[in-house]
Structures are given as C-alpha cells and as structure tokens.
Amino acid sequence: MLRPRIIPSLLVHKKGLVKTEEFKQSKYVGDPINAVKIFNEKEVDELIVLDIDATIENRGPDFKMIKNLAIECRMPFCYGGGVTSVEEAKKIVQLGAEKVAFSAAAINNIGLLKEVGDVIGVQSVVVVLDYKKKGIFGKLEIYTHNGKKATGIGLFDFVKKLEKIGIGEVVLNSIERDGKMQGYDLDTIQKVRNIFQGPITVLGGAGTLNHIKELTNKFKIIGAAAGSLFVFKGKYKAVLINYPSFDEKKMFL
C-alpha cells in the first residue's frame, strides 16, 4: 500500500553534517556516516543527502563520499550536489544511490533532465527547487547556490515545464522556512500539486510530528522531508539523531 514517505535530509558541508537556518548559520551536528548508521537502526523510509559545497565550489560530486554512504545505507537514498552531466548521474546510481538530484544544472539546462532520464530512468531524476519570495509582496522565485543566486525564474512557471517534460520527482525547499521549525508551506505545496502530477517531496519548516501529520492529512501520498526535526531535540536544540517509531508513524497513514 502506498503511504507517505518520512525522509531525513542531510546537508554535507566541509565533509561534516550541518543544519542551517534560512540557508545560513550552518551548525555542525556530526558525521554523515554515523548519522546514516543511526538512521539504519531506526529503519527510515528514505534519505536525502545534499552536498551544499559542490556547486558553490564549482566542482563535481564527491564520489568517495557517495560510495561510503551507499555502503552503509540500508534504505534508498537520493544524492544531490554538483551533478552536471549524464556521466556523473550514471556513476552515482552505479555506486548505489537510487535517485540523483539536480538544482542549478536543471535551471541552466532543463534538457539535461531528459538526457539523464533516458540513461538512469526517469524515476531516478529529482529536481530540488529552493525558493523564496522576491521582495515582501513578490512572486515566489527559484534560487540556486545555497540561496545566494536569484534565477529570475518563477517557481510555478518552472514546475509547469518540469511537468511537461516529465521527471521523477520534485523537492520543494522553502528557504524562508528552513530551520524555523514552524510548519510546512502548505499553500505553495497545494499550488504545485495542482500543476505537477508526479511525486512531490517537501522540505523546510517541519518542527514537530504534528507538522508532518498536517501535511500528510492534506496531501496523502507525499514525501515529508526534514532536517532540524531529525537532528535536534528539545527547545535548546540539543543534537540528537531521532526518527518516528513504528507506532508514531501510524499517525501519518
């Protein structure tokens, strides 16, 4: 039976696992491999691993890290960061990742997504859309390079293009809600759901399991991703890798 996917999102910065707030103030929270080992024990549905340095540093994926992650992972995982070619995407899948995520490369060359899909399968192609409002009353715009580069492209306009060409999945990442732990951007998710029929995963804002419940109650089969929720505990945000138990996950069905 299809059900919502509950997905920890891991940000890798300078080889370490970090958490950000509005894509800034990165806080070191541990070693990525150790986090994966703990998530293995907790039997998570899926992982998203994003190397947030790769595009900024104008380099390709860290294949050694991807290989090490794949060796440890006992769950499907999606890797993103610095992927700009069919060959790189193919190698990432060969190393053991189930999905490959694109961001800046997809904005720069949307045709690349079809080329990659023809080689590794459309279901393995993911596009991460980092977005925020342009000005106080402006439209939602896509940003790249860790939220530093405005693309001038409207979120909904680009989603329509992705729907037309057909891709495996869209990850909606709200820059303004990143690390705030105050709930998902439900209005934007609804607007994207109205124009994109493929799988959607949302990221940015989850602070409690009730936020995930609110999301899944409204959208049913959807990916609920989170960073802070699964690496922090308590009001002082002590670092503690956590994940809903089997009984807790029943609330999302």
Protein backbone atom coordinates (compact mmCIF):
# COMPACT_ATOMS: atom_id res chain seq x y z
CA MET A 1 0.00 0.00 0.00
CA LEU A 2 1.32 3.44 -0.93
CA ARG A 3 1.85 5.75 2.03
CA PRO A 4 3.67 8.98 2.82
CA ARG A 5 7.47 8.82 2.95
CA ILE A 6 9.17 10.33 6.02
CA ILE A 7 12.61 11.48 4.89
CA PRO A 8 15.56 12.90 6.85
CA SER A 9 17.52 15.45 4.82
CA LEU A 10 21.25 15.57 5.46
CA LEU A 11 23.31 18.61 4.48
CA VAL A 12 27.02 18.00 3.97
CA HIS A 13 29.39 20.95 4.40
CA LYS A 14 33.17 20.58 4.63
CA LYS A 15 32.72 16.79 4.97
CA GLY A 16 30.52 17.24 8.05
CA LEU A 17 26.81 17.12 8.67
CA VAL A 18 25.32 20.57 9.27
CA LYS A 19 21.97 22.24 9.79
CA THR A 20 21.14 25.72 8.55
CA GLU A 21 18.55 28.41 9.15
CA GLU A 22 17.29 30.20 6.05
CA PHE A 23 20.30 28.62 4.30
CA LYS A 24 22.64 30.49 6.68
CA GLN A 25 24.28 29.94 10.09
CA SER A 26 25.37 26.38 9.43
CA LYS A 27 25.72 24.43 12.67
CA TYR A 28 27.84 21.29 12.79
CA VAL A 29 25.80 18.35 14.02
CA GLY A 30 28.01 15.33 13.38
CA ASP A 31 29.50 12.90 10.90
CA PRO A 32 27.30 11.91 7.92
CA ILE A 33 28.27 8.24 8.05
CA ASN A 34 27.50 7.98 11.77
CA ALA A 35 24.13 9.62 11.16
CA VAL A 36 23.37 7.08 8.42
CA LYS A 37 24.23 4.22 10.77
CA ILE A 38 21.77 5.54 13.34
CA PHE A 39 19.07 6.06 10.73
CA ASN A 40 19.64 2.46 9.61
CA GLU A 41 18.78 1.29 13.11
CA LYS A 42 15.66 3.44 13.09
CA GLU A 43 14.56 1.95 9.75
CA VAL A 44 13.91 5.24 7.97
CA ASP A 45 11.95 5.25 4.71
CA GLU A 46 14.49 7.13 2.64
CA LEU A 47 17.33 9.67 2.89
CA ILE A 48 18.19 12.83 1.01
CA VAL A 49 21.89 13.75 1.06
CA LEU A 50 22.85 17.17 -0.32
CA ASP A 51 26.46 18.31 -0.68
CA ILE A 52 25.90 22.06 -0.32
CA ASP A 53 29.53 22.91 -1.16
CA ALA A 54 29.82 21.32 -4.60
CA THR A 55 28.06 23.92 -6.75
CA ILE A 56 29.48 26.84 -4.74
CA GLU A 57 32.99 25.46 -5.25
CA ASN A 58 32.30 24.72 -8.92
CA ARG A 59 33.23 21.07 -8.55
CA GLY A 60 31.60 17.75 -9.26
CA PRO A 61 30.13 15.19 -6.84
CA ASP A 62 32.25 13.65 -4.10
CA PHE A 63 32.15 10.09 -5.42
CA LYS A 64 34.17 8.72 -2.50
CA MET A 65 31.61 10.04 -0.03
CA ILE A 66 28.73 8.72 -2.14
CA LYS A 67 30.33 5.26 -2.25
CA ASN A 68 30.82 5.26 1.52
CA LEU A 69 27.22 6.36 2.07
CA ALA A 70 25.92 3.68 -0.27
CA ILE A 71 27.92 1.00 1.55
CA GLU A 72 26.34 2.00 4.87
CA CYS A 73 22.79 2.84 3.73
CA ARG A 74 20.17 0.15 4.21
CA MET A 75 17.49 2.43 2.83
CA PRO A 76 17.01 4.18 -0.53
CA PHE A 77 18.83 7.47 -0.77
CA CYS A 78 18.91 10.45 -3.08
CA TYR A 79 22.16 12.33 -3.64
CA GLY A 80 22.45 15.91 -4.87
CA GLY A 81 25.32 18.33 -5.22
CA GLY A 82 27.44 19.32 -8.22
CA VAL A 83 25.84 16.93 -10.70
CA THR A 84 26.01 18.47 -14.17
CA SER A 85 26.24 15.57 -16.62
CA VAL A 86 24.72 12.26 -17.66
CA GLU A 87 28.00 10.51 -16.88
CA GLU A 88 28.09 11.80 -13.30
CA ALA A 89 24.47 10.80 -12.71
CA LYS A 90 25.10 7.33 -14.12
CA LYS A 91 28.13 6.83 -11.87
CA ILE A 92 26.17 7.93 -8.78
CA VAL A 93 23.50 5.32 -9.48
CA GLN A 94 26.16 2.68 -10.16
CA LEU A 95 27.68 3.48 -6.75
CA GLY A 96 24.36 2.69 -5.08
CA ALA A 97 22.15 5.78 -4.93
CA GLU A 98 18.56 5.27 -6.04
CA LYS A 99 17.97 8.88 -7.10
CA VAL A 100 20.06 11.78 -8.36
CA ALA A 101 19.05 15.37 -7.57
CA PHE A 102 19.67 18.41 -9.74
CA SER A 103 19.26 22.08 -8.89
CA ALA A 104 21.40 24.71 -10.64
CA ALA A 105 22.18 22.34 -13.51
CA ALA A 106 18.46 21.84 -14.16
CA ILE A 107 17.87 25.59 -14.22
CA ASN A 108 20.78 26.12 -16.60
CA ASN A 109 19.86 23.26 -18.93
CA ILE A 110 16.45 21.71 -18.45
CA GLY A 111 17.12 19.41 -21.40
CA LEU A 112 19.75 17.63 -19.29
CA LEU A 113 16.97 16.07 -17.21
CA LYS A 114 15.56 14.12 -20.16
CA GLU A 115 19.04 13.03 -21.21
CA VAL A 116 19.71 11.71 -17.71
CA GLY A 117 16.29 10.08 -17.50
CA ASP A 118 16.93 8.20 -20.75
CA VAL A 119 20.03 6.63 -19.17
CA ILE A 120 19.18 6.01 -15.49
CA GLY A 121 15.40 6.02 -15.68
CA VAL A 122 13.00 8.92 -15.24
CA GLN A 123 12.01 7.68 -11.78
CA SER A 124 15.58 8.37 -10.58
CA VAL A 125 15.66 12.01 -11.69
CA VAL A 126 14.88 14.55 -8.95
CA VAL A 127 14.84 18.34 -9.16
CA VAL A 128 15.34 20.34 -5.96
CA LEU A 129 13.70 23.76 -6.15
CA ASP A 130 14.91 26.19 -3.48
CA TYR A 131 12.50 29.11 -3.43
CA LYS A 132 11.51 32.27 -1.60
CA LYS A 133 9.57 35.45 -2.24
CA LYS A 134 11.15 38.17 -4.37
CA GLY A 135 10.60 41.13 -2.07
CA ILE A 136 7.83 41.34 0.53
CA PHE A 137 4.94 41.04 -1.91
CA GLY A 138 6.78 39.48 -4.83
CA LYS A 139 6.26 36.18 -6.58
CA LEU A 140 7.99 33.00 -5.49
CA GLU A 141 11.33 32.77 -7.25
CA ILE A 142 13.82 29.91 -7.58
CA TYR A 143 17.29 30.44 -6.13
CA THR A 144 20.46 28.39 -6.55
CA HIS A 145 23.92 28.30 -4.97
CA ASN A 146 22.56 27.83 -1.44
CA GLY A 147 20.03 30.59 -1.86
CA LYS A 148 22.63 33.16 -2.89
CA LYS A 149 21.81 33.38 -6.60
CA ALA A 150 18.44 34.61 -7.81
CA THR A 151 17.49 32.97 -11.10
CA GLY A 152 14.70 35.33 -12.09
CA ILE A 153 12.54 32.24 -12.74
CA GLY A 154 9.16 31.88 -11.10
CA LEU A 155 8.61 28.69 -9.13
CA PHE A 156 5.28 27.79 -10.71
CA ASP A 157 6.45 28.61 -14.24
CA PHE A 158 9.36 26.20 -13.90
CA VAL A 159 7.25 23.47 -12.31
CA LYS A 160 4.97 23.65 -15.35
CA LYS A 161 8.00 22.99 -17.56
CA LEU A 162 9.01 20.02 -15.41
CA GLU A 163 5.51 18.60 -15.67
CA LYS A 164 5.62 18.95 -19.44
CA ILE A 165 8.93 17.13 -19.93
CA GLY A 166 8.21 14.52 -17.24
CA ILE A 167 10.64 13.90 -14.37
CA GLY A 168 10.70 11.51 -11.46
CA GLU A 169 10.22 13.87 -8.53
CA VAL A 170 10.22 17.48 -7.37
CA VAL A 171 11.61 18.53 -3.99
CA LEU A 172 10.17 21.84 -2.82
CA ASN A 173 12.54 23.54 -0.40
CA SER A 174 11.34 26.74 1.27
CA ILE A 175 14.33 28.96 2.02
CA GLU A 176 12.31 31.20 4.32
CA ARG A 177 11.15 28.25 6.43
CA ASP A 178 14.49 26.43 6.52
CA GLY A 179 15.41 25.65 10.13
CA LYS A 180 12.48 27.64 11.54
CA MET A 181 10.57 24.51 12.61
CA GLN A 182 7.23 26.33 12.34
CA GLY A 183 5.46 24.17 9.78
CA TYR A 184 5.45 23.48 6.04
CA ASP A 185 4.44 25.96 3.34
CA LEU A 186 1.08 24.29 2.64
CA ASP A 187 -0.28 26.98 0.29
CA THR A 188 2.66 26.69 -2.08
CA ILE A 189 2.58 22.91 -1.94
CA GLN A 190 -1.09 22.95 -2.95
CA LYS A 191 -0.38 25.22 -5.93
CA VAL A 192 2.43 22.95 -7.09
CA ARG A 193 0.26 19.86 -6.60
CA ASN A 194 -2.33 21.45 -8.90
CA ILE A 195 0.16 21.64 -11.79
CA PHE A 196 2.58 18.75 -11.16
CA GLN A 197 1.24 15.21 -11.16
CA GLY A 198 4.44 13.36 -10.26
CA PRO A 199 5.85 12.61 -6.80
CA ILE A 200 6.49 15.62 -4.59
CA THR A 201 8.69 15.85 -1.50
CA VAL A 202 8.63 18.96 0.66
CA LEU A 203 11.39 20.37 2.82
CA GLY A 204 11.63 23.38 5.07
CA GLY A 205 9.67 24.06 8.24
CA ALA A 206 8.93 20.77 9.97
CA GLY A 207 9.39 21.15 13.72
CA THR A 208 7.03 18.54 15.17
CA LEU A 209 5.44 15.28 14.11
CA ASN A 210 2.14 17.17 14.00
CA HIS A 211 3.54 19.28 11.16
CA ILE A 212 4.11 16.06 9.21
CA LYS A 213 0.62 14.86 10.13
CA GLU A 214 -0.86 18.15 8.91
CA LEU A 215 0.99 17.72 5.62
CA THR A 216 0.04 14.10 5.06
CA ASN A 217 -3.57 14.63 6.09
CA LYS A 218 -3.88 17.28 3.40
CA PHE A 219 -1.85 15.71 0.60
CA LYS A 220 -1.90 11.97 1.42
CA ILE A 221 0.82 10.36 -0.69
CA ILE A 222 3.71 12.81 -0.40
CA GLY A 223 7.30 12.91 0.82
CA ALA A 224 7.71 14.73 4.13
CA ALA A 225 11.36 15.68 4.46
CA ALA A 226 13.00 17.43 7.39
CA GLY A 227 16.40 18.33 8.73
CA SER A 228 16.14 20.01 12.13
CA LEU A 229 13.33 17.74 13.30
CA PHE A 230 15.51 14.66 12.93
CA VAL A 231 18.80 16.02 14.31
CA PHE A 232 17.69 18.27 17.17
CA LYS A 233 15.80 17.56 20.38
CA GLY A 234 14.11 19.98 22.76
CA LYS A 235 13.82 23.77 22.85
CA TYR A 236 17.58 24.19 23.20
CA LYS A 237 18.17 22.11 20.06
CA ALA A 238 20.50 19.57 21.57
CA VAL A 239 21.94 17.37 18.82
CA LEU A 240 20.22 14.01 18.87
CA ILE A 241 19.51 11.87 15.81
CA ASN A 242 15.88 10.79 16.01
CA TYR A 243 13.05 9.46 13.84
CA PRO A 244 9.41 8.47 14.41
CA SER A 245 8.88 4.99 15.82
CA PHE A 246 6.70 2.45 14.02
CA ASP A 247 3.77 3.32 16.27
CA GLU A 248 4.28 7.07 15.79
CA LYS A 249 4.30 6.65 12.01
CA LYS A 250 0.80 5.20 12.17
CA MET A 251 -0.49 8.74 12.71
CA PHE A 252 0.57 9.60 9.14
CA LEU A 253 -1.31 6.77 7.42
